[in-house]
Structure formats: C-alpha cells, structure tokens
Amino acid sequence: MHAKNRADRPRPADRPRRTDRALVRGVLVATALLGFSGAAPALAEGSWTSYISNWGPGSESRRWEDADRDDVVTSVTFQGCATATDDFKDSGLQLYKDVFGPDKAYGHRTNHCDTSSWGDQSAGNYYFVLEGVRNGGRLWVDTVTTRY
C-alpha cells in the first residue's frame, strides 16, 4: 500500500485554511497600520433626536451642553414637517447660548424642513427657539436631530 498524498488527507474542521489565516493576518496588519498613522473617524461630540408637536412662535427646544471638544458645527435638522393647514413653507429658528443675563443669540436661520447650521460654537449650554412658521402658525416635525 502506498501512503496517501497530502492533498487526499481530510483537513480537521477546527483548523483554519492557510488562505483564511493569510486573510486574518492581512486584516490585522492593515488595522495596526491605520492605528499607527493616527487615522481616527471624525465623530460629533454630541447629538440628540426628538420631535416637535404643536409648537408656536417662542417655543424652545431642550438645552444641551457643548464642551467644544471638536470642530463639529452646531446644526438642527428637521424631517417630516407639517402645519395645521398642511401647507408648510419654512420655519424661522434662532440659536441661543444660555448665559448670565440676556441669552446670547447666534443668528436667525430659515429651515425648509432641512438642516440649519450655525458653525462651530464655543463651550456652553445652547437651545434653539422657533421664531415663526410660514403658512400654518403651529409646527409639527416628525424628527428633529441636533448635532454639536
């Protein structure tokens, strides 16, 4: 009887194939190189998601703290906007920083059920105010996402 050829021997199920080991080794080397190069994903410091129901002019959002640990712009995104007349055109928003005395305003933005941005803000507590709604007076928004 002659000895069986190496290719004819059954491979144990628990031993990885040579190509599997080479692939794993390649992934580990690539991961290590990315780590050494300082490549890191750009992540926003913070965000929150909510909704708006029956807001009128002067309604305020919840407040959030921006520690200013990154270069992310402060933005508010509306998705699914409606008014009592179902004829939503846009809404006026104003960003404020909560400070001692009158709060500091950072500018009016018109939101057409999209994203309004105010740039990278310094550390502090912020909120936005609904200044008005064109066509309807009251505002409903399915999803409000604030990033900072």
C-alpha atoms as a PDB file:
ATOM      1  CA  MET A   1       0.000   0.000   0.000  1.00  0.00           C
ATOM      2  CA  HIS A   2       1.237   3.422  -0.791  1.00  0.00           C
ATOM      3  CA  ALA A   3       0.949   6.445   1.518  1.00  0.00           C
ATOM      4  CA  LYS A   4      -1.831   8.829   0.789  1.00  0.00           C
ATOM      5  CA  ASN A   5      -0.947  12.064  -0.866  1.00  0.00           C
ATOM      6  CA  ARG A   6      -1.158  15.174   1.441  1.00  0.00           C
ATOM      7  CA  ALA A   7      -3.996  16.630  -0.659  1.00  0.00           C
ATOM      8  CA  ASP A   8      -6.042  13.475  -0.101  1.00  0.00           C
ATOM      9  CA  ARG A   9      -5.945  13.761   3.684  1.00  0.00           C
ATOM     10  CA  PRO A  10      -9.023  15.217   5.345  1.00  0.00           C
ATOM     11  CA  ARG A  11      -8.494  18.633   6.905  1.00  0.00           C
ATOM     12  CA  PRO A  12      -9.572  18.913  10.544  1.00  0.00           C
ATOM     13  CA  ALA A  13     -12.661  21.096  10.754  1.00  0.00           C
ATOM     14  CA  ASP A  14     -11.278  23.220  13.582  1.00  0.00           C
ATOM     15  CA  ARG A  15      -8.038  24.174  11.788  1.00  0.00           C
ATOM     16  CA  PRO A  16      -8.316  27.294   9.583  1.00  0.00           C
ATOM     17  CA  ARG A  17      -7.236  27.056   6.000  1.00  0.00           C
ATOM     18  CA  ARG A  18      -3.966  28.688   5.015  1.00  0.00           C
ATOM     19  CA  THR A  19      -5.871  31.307   2.956  1.00  0.00           C
ATOM     20  CA  ASP A  20      -8.084  32.119   5.971  1.00  0.00           C
ATOM     21  CA  ARG A  21      -5.012  32.672   8.149  1.00  0.00           C
ATOM     22  CA  ALA A  22      -3.414  34.879   5.489  1.00  0.00           C
ATOM     23  CA  LEU A  23      -6.577  36.965   5.242  1.00  0.00           C
ATOM     24  CA  VAL A  24      -6.783  37.402   9.023  1.00  0.00           C
ATOM     25  CA  ARG A  25      -3.076  38.324   9.138  1.00  0.00           C
ATOM     26  CA  GLY A  26      -3.624  40.931   6.391  1.00  0.00           C
ATOM     27  CA  VAL A  27      -6.570  42.483   8.204  1.00  0.00           C
ATOM     28  CA  LEU A  28      -4.605  42.667  11.459  1.00  0.00           C
ATOM     29  CA  VAL A  29      -1.625  44.317   9.740  1.00  0.00           C
ATOM     30  CA  ALA A  30      -3.889  46.858   7.976  1.00  0.00           C
ATOM     31  CA  THR A  31      -5.661  47.668  11.249  1.00  0.00           C
ATOM     32  CA  ALA A  32      -2.347  48.162  13.035  1.00  0.00           C
ATOM     33  CA  LEU A  33      -1.063  50.455  10.268  1.00  0.00           C
ATOM     34  CA  LEU A  34      -4.202  52.590  10.440  1.00  0.00           C
ATOM     35  CA  GLY A  35      -3.819  52.828  14.206  1.00  0.00           C
ATOM     36  CA  PHE A  36      -0.193  53.962  13.905  1.00  0.00           C
ATOM     37  CA  SER A  37      -0.994  56.515  11.219  1.00  0.00           C
ATOM     38  CA  GLY A  38      -3.340  58.301  13.603  1.00  0.00           C
ATOM     39  CA  ALA A  39      -6.373  57.745  11.391  1.00  0.00           C
ATOM     40  CA  ALA A  40      -9.472  58.061  13.503  1.00  0.00           C
ATOM     41  CA  PRO A  41     -13.057  58.610  12.492  1.00  0.00           C
ATOM     42  CA  ALA A  42     -14.411  62.127  12.910  1.00  0.00           C
ATOM     43  CA  LEU A  43     -17.190  61.838  15.450  1.00  0.00           C
ATOM     44  CA  ALA A  44     -19.518  64.531  16.623  1.00  0.00           C
ATOM     45  CA  GLU A  45     -19.158  65.386  20.284  1.00  0.00           C
ATOM     46  CA  GLY A  46     -22.851  65.024  20.854  1.00  0.00           C
ATOM     47  CA  SER A  47     -26.308  64.898  19.374  1.00  0.00           C
ATOM     48  CA  TRP A  48     -29.887  64.266  20.320  1.00  0.00           C
ATOM     49  CA  THR A  49     -33.036  63.348  18.440  1.00  0.00           C
ATOM     50  CA  SER A  50     -36.610  64.252  19.296  1.00  0.00           C
ATOM     51  CA  TYR A  51     -39.782  65.586  17.652  1.00  0.00           C
ATOM     52  CA  ILE A  52     -41.886  68.751  17.688  1.00  0.00           C
ATOM     53  CA  SER A  53     -45.607  68.719  18.378  1.00  0.00           C
ATOM     54  CA  ASN A  54     -47.850  71.788  18.106  1.00  0.00           C
ATOM     55  CA  TRP A  55     -45.117  74.405  18.558  1.00  0.00           C
ATOM     56  CA  GLY A  56     -45.863  78.094  18.099  1.00  0.00           C
ATOM     57  CA  PRO A  57     -43.524  81.088  17.923  1.00  0.00           C
ATOM     58  CA  GLY A  58     -41.414  81.371  21.072  1.00  0.00           C
ATOM     59  CA  SER A  59     -41.288  77.617  21.770  1.00  0.00           C
ATOM     60  CA  GLU A  60     -37.854  76.488  22.987  1.00  0.00           C
ATOM     61  CA  SER A  61     -36.000  73.246  22.382  1.00  0.00           C
ATOM     62  CA  ARG A  62     -34.409  71.267  25.148  1.00  0.00           C
ATOM     63  CA  ARG A  63     -30.998  72.563  26.206  1.00  0.00           C
ATOM     64  CA  TRP A  64     -27.695  70.822  25.593  1.00  0.00           C
ATOM     65  CA  GLU A  65     -24.107  71.288  26.688  1.00  0.00           C
ATOM     66  CA  ASP A  66     -21.414  71.675  24.056  1.00  0.00           C
ATOM     67  CA  ALA A  67     -17.983  71.158  25.654  1.00  0.00           C
ATOM     68  CA  ASP A  68     -16.296  72.276  22.383  1.00  0.00           C
ATOM     69  CA  ARG A  69     -14.016  69.221  22.200  1.00  0.00           C
ATOM     70  CA  ASP A  70     -14.249  69.038  18.400  1.00  0.00           C
ATOM     71  CA  ASP A  71     -14.756  71.129  15.253  1.00  0.00           C
ATOM     72  CA  VAL A  72     -18.306  69.969  14.517  1.00  0.00           C
ATOM     73  CA  VAL A  73     -20.769  72.686  13.522  1.00  0.00           C
ATOM     74  CA  THR A  74     -23.930  73.107  15.565  1.00  0.00           C
ATOM     75  CA  SER A  75     -26.871  72.093  13.400  1.00  0.00           C
ATOM     76  CA  VAL A  76     -30.585  71.355  13.632  1.00  0.00           C
ATOM     77  CA  THR A  77     -32.186  69.024  11.077  1.00  0.00           C
ATOM     78  CA  PHE A  78     -35.943  68.773  10.566  1.00  0.00           C
ATOM     79  CA  GLN A  79     -37.559  65.820   8.780  1.00  0.00           C
ATOM     80  CA  GLY A  80     -41.292  65.428   8.202  1.00  0.00           C
ATOM     81  CA  CYS A  81     -42.571  68.981   8.717  1.00  0.00           C
ATOM     82  CA  ALA A  82     -46.263  69.907   8.839  1.00  0.00           C
ATOM     83  CA  THR A  83     -48.521  72.728   9.943  1.00  0.00           C
ATOM     84  CA  ALA A  84     -52.182  72.849  10.919  1.00  0.00           C
ATOM     85  CA  THR A  85     -53.029  73.790   7.316  1.00  0.00           C
ATOM     86  CA  ASP A  86     -50.652  71.176   5.805  1.00  0.00           C
ATOM     87  CA  ASP A  87     -49.095  73.969   3.761  1.00  0.00           C
ATOM     88  CA  PHE A  88     -45.622  74.156   5.415  1.00  0.00           C
ATOM     89  CA  LYS A  89     -43.208  76.504   3.657  1.00  0.00           C
ATOM     90  CA  ASP A  90     -40.476  77.127   6.236  1.00  0.00           C
ATOM     91  CA  SER A  91     -39.788  77.947   9.850  1.00  0.00           C
ATOM     92  CA  GLY A  92     -37.552  80.528  11.472  1.00  0.00           C
ATOM     93  CA  LEU A  93     -35.046  79.299  14.067  1.00  0.00           C
ATOM     94  CA  GLN A  94     -32.702  81.195  16.363  1.00  0.00           C
ATOM     95  CA  LEU A  95     -29.821  79.583  18.290  1.00  0.00           C
ATOM     96  CA  TYR A  96     -29.140  80.890  21.792  1.00  0.00           C
ATOM     97  CA  LYS A  97     -26.362  80.380  24.309  1.00  0.00           C
ATOM     98  CA  ASP A  98     -27.588  80.274  27.898  1.00  0.00           C
ATOM     99  CA  VAL A  99     -25.549  82.929  29.747  1.00  0.00           C
ATOM    100  CA  PHE A 100     -25.960  85.108  32.845  1.00  0.00           C
ATOM    101  CA  GLY A 101     -28.247  87.952  31.863  1.00  0.00           C
ATOM    102  CA  PRO A 102     -29.932  88.015  28.452  1.00  0.00           C
ATOM    103  CA  ASP A 103     -29.043  84.892  26.455  1.00  0.00           C
ATOM    104  CA  LYS A 104     -26.710  85.441  23.511  1.00  0.00           C
ATOM    105  CA  ALA A 105     -28.325  84.999  20.068  1.00  0.00           C
ATOM    106  CA  TYR A 106     -26.292  83.389  17.287  1.00  0.00           C
ATOM    107  CA  GLY A 107     -28.386  84.291  14.283  1.00  0.00           C
ATOM    108  CA  HIS A 108     -31.648  83.536  12.540  1.00  0.00           C
ATOM    109  CA  ARG A 109     -31.860  80.584  10.148  1.00  0.00           C
ATOM    110  CA  THR A 110     -34.709  79.690   7.821  1.00  0.00           C
ATOM    111  CA  ASN A 111     -35.394  75.962   7.865  1.00  0.00           C
ATOM    112  CA  HIS A 112     -37.237  74.475   4.859  1.00  0.00           C
ATOM    113  CA  CYS A 113     -37.552  71.055   6.546  1.00  0.00           C
ATOM    114  CA  ASP A 114     -33.817  70.502   6.111  1.00  0.00           C
ATOM    115  CA  THR A 115     -30.626  71.381   8.046  1.00  0.00           C
ATOM    116  CA  SER A 116     -29.825  74.736   9.612  1.00  0.00           C
ATOM    117  CA  SER A 117     -26.227  75.322  10.787  1.00  0.00           C
ATOM    118  CA  TRP A 118     -24.559  77.920  12.987  1.00  0.00           C
ATOM    119  CA  GLY A 119     -20.880  76.932  12.753  1.00  0.00           C
ATOM    120  CA  ASP A 120     -18.594  75.537  15.456  1.00  0.00           C
ATOM    121  CA  GLN A 121     -19.667  77.068  18.768  1.00  0.00           C
ATOM    122  CA  SER A 122     -17.644  77.684  21.925  1.00  0.00           C
ATOM    123  CA  ALA A 123     -18.284  75.693  25.102  1.00  0.00           C
ATOM    124  CA  GLY A 124     -21.609  76.377  26.787  1.00  0.00           C
ATOM    125  CA  ASN A 125     -25.288  75.475  27.075  1.00  0.00           C
ATOM    126  CA  TYR A 126     -27.423  76.035  23.985  1.00  0.00           C
ATOM    127  CA  TYR A 127     -31.018  75.827  22.766  1.00  0.00           C
ATOM    128  CA  PHE A 128     -32.971  76.945  19.736  1.00  0.00           C
ATOM    129  CA  VAL A 129     -36.221  78.895  19.558  1.00  0.00           C
ATOM    130  CA  LEU A 130     -38.949  78.744  16.937  1.00  0.00           C
ATOM    131  CA  GLU A 131     -39.373  82.330  15.764  1.00  0.00           C
ATOM    132  CA  GLY A 132     -42.197  81.640  13.351  1.00  0.00           C
ATOM    133  CA  VAL A 133     -43.794  79.327  10.814  1.00  0.00           C
ATOM    134  CA  ARG A 134     -44.767  80.382   7.333  1.00  0.00           C
ATOM    135  CA  ASN A 135     -48.236  79.060   6.474  1.00  0.00           C
ATOM    136  CA  GLY A 136     -49.826  77.469   9.469  1.00  0.00           C
ATOM    137  CA  GLY A 137     -48.788  79.185  12.682  1.00  0.00           C
ATOM    138  CA  ARG A 138     -48.191  75.882  14.551  1.00  0.00           C
ATOM    139  CA  LEU A 139     -45.464  73.360  13.715  1.00  0.00           C
ATOM    140  CA  TRP A 140     -45.131  69.574  13.872  1.00  0.00           C
ATOM    141  CA  VAL A 141     -41.834  67.860  12.950  1.00  0.00           C
ATOM    142  CA  ASP A 142     -41.504  64.055  12.897  1.00  0.00           C
ATOM    143  CA  THR A 143     -37.751  64.033  13.584  1.00  0.00           C
ATOM    144  CA  VAL A 144     -35.527  66.783  14.974  1.00  0.00           C
ATOM    145  CA  THR A 145     -31.808  65.960  15.114  1.00  0.00           C
ATOM    146  CA  THR A 146     -29.424  68.372  16.822  1.00  0.00           C
ATOM    147  CA  ARG A 147     -25.658  67.881  16.418  1.00  0.00           C
ATOM    148  CA  TYR A 148     -22.936  69.809  18.216  1.00  0.00           C
END
